[in-house]
Protein backbone atom coordinates (compact mmCIF):
# COMPACT_ATOMS: atom_id res chain seq x y z
CA MET A 1 0.00 0.00 0.00
CA ARG A 2 2.87 2.38 0.71
CA SER A 3 4.16 1.91 -2.82
CA PHE A 4 0.78 2.91 -4.22
CA LEU A 5 0.64 6.03 -2.04
CA PHE A 6 4.13 6.93 -3.23
CA LEU A 7 2.99 6.46 -6.82
CA LEU A 8 0.02 8.79 -6.32
CA ILE A 9 2.27 11.42 -4.73
CA LEU A 10 4.66 11.11 -7.66
CA LEU A 11 1.83 11.55 -10.17
CA PHE A 12 0.58 14.63 -8.33
CA SER A 13 4.09 16.11 -8.28
CA GLU A 14 4.40 15.55 -12.02
CA PHE A 15 1.07 17.29 -12.53
CA VAL A 16 2.22 20.37 -10.62
CA PHE A 17 5.51 20.36 -12.51
CA SER A 18 3.76 20.13 -15.87
CA GLN A 19 1.47 23.01 -14.94
CA ASN A 20 4.49 25.22 -14.23
CA GLU A 21 6.26 24.14 -17.40
CA SER A 22 3.22 24.72 -19.58
CA GLN A 23 2.79 28.35 -18.53
CA ASP A 24 5.47 29.45 -21.00
CA SER A 25 4.29 27.13 -23.79
CA SER A 26 1.84 27.74 -26.59
CA THR A 27 -1.78 27.06 -25.69
CA ASP A 28 -2.66 26.03 -29.26
CA TYR A 29 -3.21 22.31 -28.66
CA GLU A 30 -5.97 19.90 -27.71
CA ARG A 31 -6.32 19.46 -23.94
CA ILE A 32 -9.25 17.01 -23.61
CA TYR A 33 -9.04 13.45 -24.93
CA VAL A 34 -12.08 11.15 -24.90
CA GLU A 35 -11.42 7.54 -25.90
CA ALA A 36 -13.58 4.55 -26.81
CA GLY A 37 -12.48 1.13 -27.92
CA PHE A 38 -11.75 -2.39 -26.74
CA VAL A 39 -9.38 -4.26 -24.45
CA GLN A 40 -8.04 -7.56 -25.78
CA PRO A 41 -6.38 -9.70 -23.09
CA ILE A 42 -3.37 -11.67 -24.28
CA GLY A 43 -1.25 -14.40 -22.75
CA LYS A 44 -2.59 -15.91 -19.53
CA LEU A 45 -4.97 -12.99 -19.05
CA SER A 46 -6.88 -14.15 -22.16
CA ASP A 47 -8.27 -17.00 -20.03
CA LYS A 48 -9.89 -14.52 -17.62
CA PHE A 49 -12.19 -12.53 -19.95
CA ASP A 50 -12.97 -11.89 -23.62
CA LEU A 51 -12.66 -8.81 -25.81
CA SER A 52 -14.21 -6.03 -23.71
CA PRO A 53 -15.38 -2.44 -24.29
CA SER A 54 -13.16 0.32 -22.91
CA PHE A 55 -13.64 4.05 -22.32
CA GLY A 56 -11.23 6.76 -21.22
CA PHE A 57 -10.88 10.44 -20.35
CA TRP A 58 -7.54 12.29 -20.29
CA PHE A 59 -6.42 15.87 -19.68
CA ARG A 60 -3.28 17.05 -21.49
CA ASN A 61 -0.59 19.54 -20.50
CA LYS A 62 2.28 20.71 -22.70
CA LEU A 63 5.87 20.32 -21.49
CA ASN A 64 7.55 21.84 -24.54
CA ARG A 65 7.03 22.09 -28.28
CA GLU A 66 6.43 18.39 -29.02
CA ASP A 67 6.32 16.78 -25.55
CA PHE A 68 3.13 16.43 -23.52
CA ILE A 69 1.90 14.77 -20.34
CA ASP A 70 -1.60 13.37 -19.86
CA PHE A 71 -3.50 12.69 -16.64
CA GLY A 72 -6.65 10.62 -16.55
CA PHE A 73 -8.18 7.17 -16.56
CA ASN A 74 -9.65 4.47 -18.70
CA PHE A 75 -12.00 1.73 -17.57
CA PHE A 76 -13.27 -1.43 -19.17
CA ILE A 77 -16.15 -3.83 -18.62
CA PRO A 78 -14.89 -7.44 -18.69
CA LYS A 79 -17.00 -9.64 -20.97
CA LYS A 80 -17.58 -13.31 -20.17
CA PRO A 81 -15.22 -13.24 -17.17
CA VAL A 82 -14.25 -16.52 -15.56
CA GLU A 83 -14.41 -17.04 -11.80
CA PRO A 84 -10.80 -17.11 -10.57
CA ASP A 85 -9.71 -18.93 -7.44
CA PHE A 86 -9.21 -16.90 -4.26
CA GLU A 87 -7.95 -18.18 -0.94
CA TYR A 88 -10.51 -17.74 1.83
CA ARG A 89 -9.38 -19.02 5.22
CA ASP A 90 -8.38 -22.66 4.63
CA SER A 91 -10.28 -23.17 1.40
CA ILE A 92 -10.30 -22.10 -2.25
CA VAL A 93 -13.32 -20.09 -3.40
CA GLN A 94 -14.25 -18.90 -6.88
CA TYR A 95 -15.03 -15.18 -6.82
CA LYS A 96 -17.25 -13.47 -9.38
CA SER A 97 -16.24 -10.47 -11.46
CA SER A 98 -17.91 -7.14 -10.67
CA HIS A 99 -17.63 -6.36 -14.40
CA PHE A 100 -15.52 -3.28 -13.75
CA ALA A 101 -11.79 -2.53 -13.98
CA ILE A 102 -10.05 0.84 -14.13
CA ASN A 103 -6.60 2.29 -14.77
CA ILE A 104 -5.67 5.68 -13.30
CA GLY A 105 -2.38 7.31 -14.17
CA THR A 106 -0.29 9.46 -16.44
CA ARG A 107 1.07 9.22 -19.98
CA PHE A 108 4.03 10.93 -21.57
CA ALA A 109 3.43 11.73 -25.23
CA LYS A 110 5.91 12.59 -27.98
CA VAL A 111 4.22 14.17 -31.01
CA VAL A 112 5.74 13.71 -34.47
CA PRO A 113 4.26 15.93 -37.23
CA LEU A 114 3.40 14.05 -40.43
CA SER A 115 2.84 17.11 -42.60
CA LEU A 116 4.76 20.34 -43.03
CA ARG A 117 1.63 22.23 -44.05
CA LYS A 118 -0.91 20.78 -41.61
CA LYS A 119 -0.28 20.97 -37.88
CA ASP A 120 -3.28 18.77 -37.06
CA PHE A 121 -1.92 15.60 -38.74
CA ASN A 122 0.55 13.81 -36.48
CA LEU A 123 1.72 10.62 -34.84
CA GLU A 124 2.10 10.16 -31.08
CA TRP A 125 4.30 7.81 -29.09
CA ASN A 126 2.92 7.26 -25.57
CA SER A 127 4.51 5.82 -22.42
CA GLY A 128 2.24 5.37 -19.41
CA ILE A 129 2.36 4.42 -15.74
CA GLY A 130 -0.29 4.28 -13.06
CA LEU A 131 -2.59 2.27 -10.83
CA ALA A 132 -4.67 -0.68 -12.10
CA LEU A 133 -7.75 -1.96 -10.23
CA ASN A 134 -9.87 -5.02 -11.05
CA PHE A 135 -12.96 -5.67 -8.90
CA TYR A 136 -14.32 -9.04 -7.74
CA LYS A 137 -16.93 -10.16 -5.21
CA ALA A 138 -17.50 -13.31 -3.18
CA PRO A 139 -20.28 -15.73 -4.17
CA ASP A 140 -23.61 -15.07 -2.47
CA GLU A 141 -23.74 -18.48 -0.83
CA LEU A 142 -20.51 -17.89 1.09
CA GLU A 143 -21.08 -17.03 4.75
CA PHE A 144 -18.92 -14.30 6.26
CA GLU A 145 -18.30 -13.40 9.85
CA ASP A 146 -18.36 -9.85 11.19
CA GLY A 147 -15.33 -7.93 9.97
CA ASP A 148 -14.77 -10.08 6.88
CA HIS A 149 -14.95 -8.29 3.55
CA THR A 150 -16.98 -9.78 0.73
CA LYS A 151 -15.08 -8.08 -2.11
CA GLU A 152 -11.57 -8.33 -3.50
CA VAL A 153 -9.85 -5.60 -5.50
CA LEU A 154 -6.83 -6.71 -7.47
CA THR A 155 -4.57 -3.69 -7.06
CA THR A 156 -1.30 -3.26 -8.91
CA PHE A 157 0.64 -0.83 -11.08
CA TYR A 158 0.61 -0.77 -14.86
CA LEU A 159 3.09 0.17 -17.58
CA SER A 160 2.01 0.93 -21.13
CA GLN A 161 3.43 1.76 -24.53
CA GLY A 162 1.37 2.86 -27.50
CA ILE A 163 0.96 4.81 -30.70
CA LYS A 164 -1.75 7.19 -31.82
CA LEU A 165 -2.48 8.58 -35.28
CA ASN A 166 -4.29 11.93 -35.14
CA TYR A 167 -6.00 13.95 -37.85
CA LYS A 168 -7.74 17.13 -36.75
CA ASN A 169 -10.02 16.20 -33.82
CA VAL A 170 -10.05 12.42 -34.23
CA GLY A 171 -7.50 9.66 -33.97
CA LEU A 172 -6.80 5.94 -33.88
CA GLN A 173 -4.72 4.34 -31.16
CA CYS A 174 -3.26 1.05 -29.98
CA HIS A 175 -1.58 0.46 -26.60
CA TYR A 176 0.17 -2.49 -25.00
CA GLN A 177 -0.29 -2.72 -21.23
CA TRP A 178 1.41 -4.79 -18.55
CA SER A 179 -0.51 -5.09 -15.26
CA PRO A 180 0.83 -7.80 -12.90
CA TYR A 181 -2.44 -8.39 -11.03
CA GLY A 182 -1.11 -11.25 -8.93
CA LEU A 183 2.02 -9.44 -7.76
CA PHE A 184 0.57 -7.72 -4.67
CA ASN A 185 -2.28 -10.10 -3.79
CA ASP A 186 -1.39 -13.36 -2.05
CA LYS A 187 -4.98 -14.64 -2.22
CA ILE A 188 -5.23 -14.84 -6.01
CA GLU A 189 -3.63 -17.43 -8.25
CA LYS A 190 -0.12 -16.31 -9.18
CA ASP A 191 -0.53 -16.99 -12.90
CA PHE A 192 -3.58 -14.72 -13.18
CA GLY A 193 -2.13 -12.87 -16.18
CA SER A 194 -0.91 -9.36 -16.89
CA GLN A 195 -0.87 -8.47 -20.60
CA SER A 196 -3.45 -6.75 -22.78
CA LEU A 197 -3.89 -4.62 -25.89
CA MET A 198 -6.15 -1.58 -25.96
CA PHE A 199 -7.24 -0.12 -29.30
CA GLY A 200 -9.92 2.25 -30.47
CA ILE A 201 -10.79 5.79 -31.52
CA VAL A 202 -10.01 9.14 -29.91
CA TYR A 203 -11.83 12.46 -29.92
CA ARG A 204 -9.79 15.45 -28.81
CA GLN A 205 -10.80 19.03 -28.13
């Protein structure tokens, strides 16, 4: 938990830094990014859910001429999730998905112009880091004592790399993400999975 608090403090510090840096930069750029697409789990994570819809909202600040930093989140709704094994006391119990997972963090973006005459046609290279949460709940038939919690939140960090092709106010993107869900939870199966691809469209304003 301390590592996650440190991560949040670091993200906040970067936000303050980017605000100071952007005061001397041009304001002629899109600040709001709204994203819609899909998450495709790969590797061992592909056994946990199918292709799932994803939505995101990001706020952009300029660091210098072609470098930017984004702050925001994207969430997805796992489709056809399996019931993974959790340890509960001295037994193994299959928990149910709450059909909600979210990533909260920051992305560093490098913008590469693709036209000398049009400033609104470019390619972005993104590197991201943040907090990943995946929500599960205990089966209804399981009896809990006072003080026991009936939900489990797989909490970990994530790292991402991606590209984005922008033209005017719209774009296409694809990101690879690594989220080691089993790293900080000793109740979940260790081979839960960690890799996914996120792709979709972007509207920026």
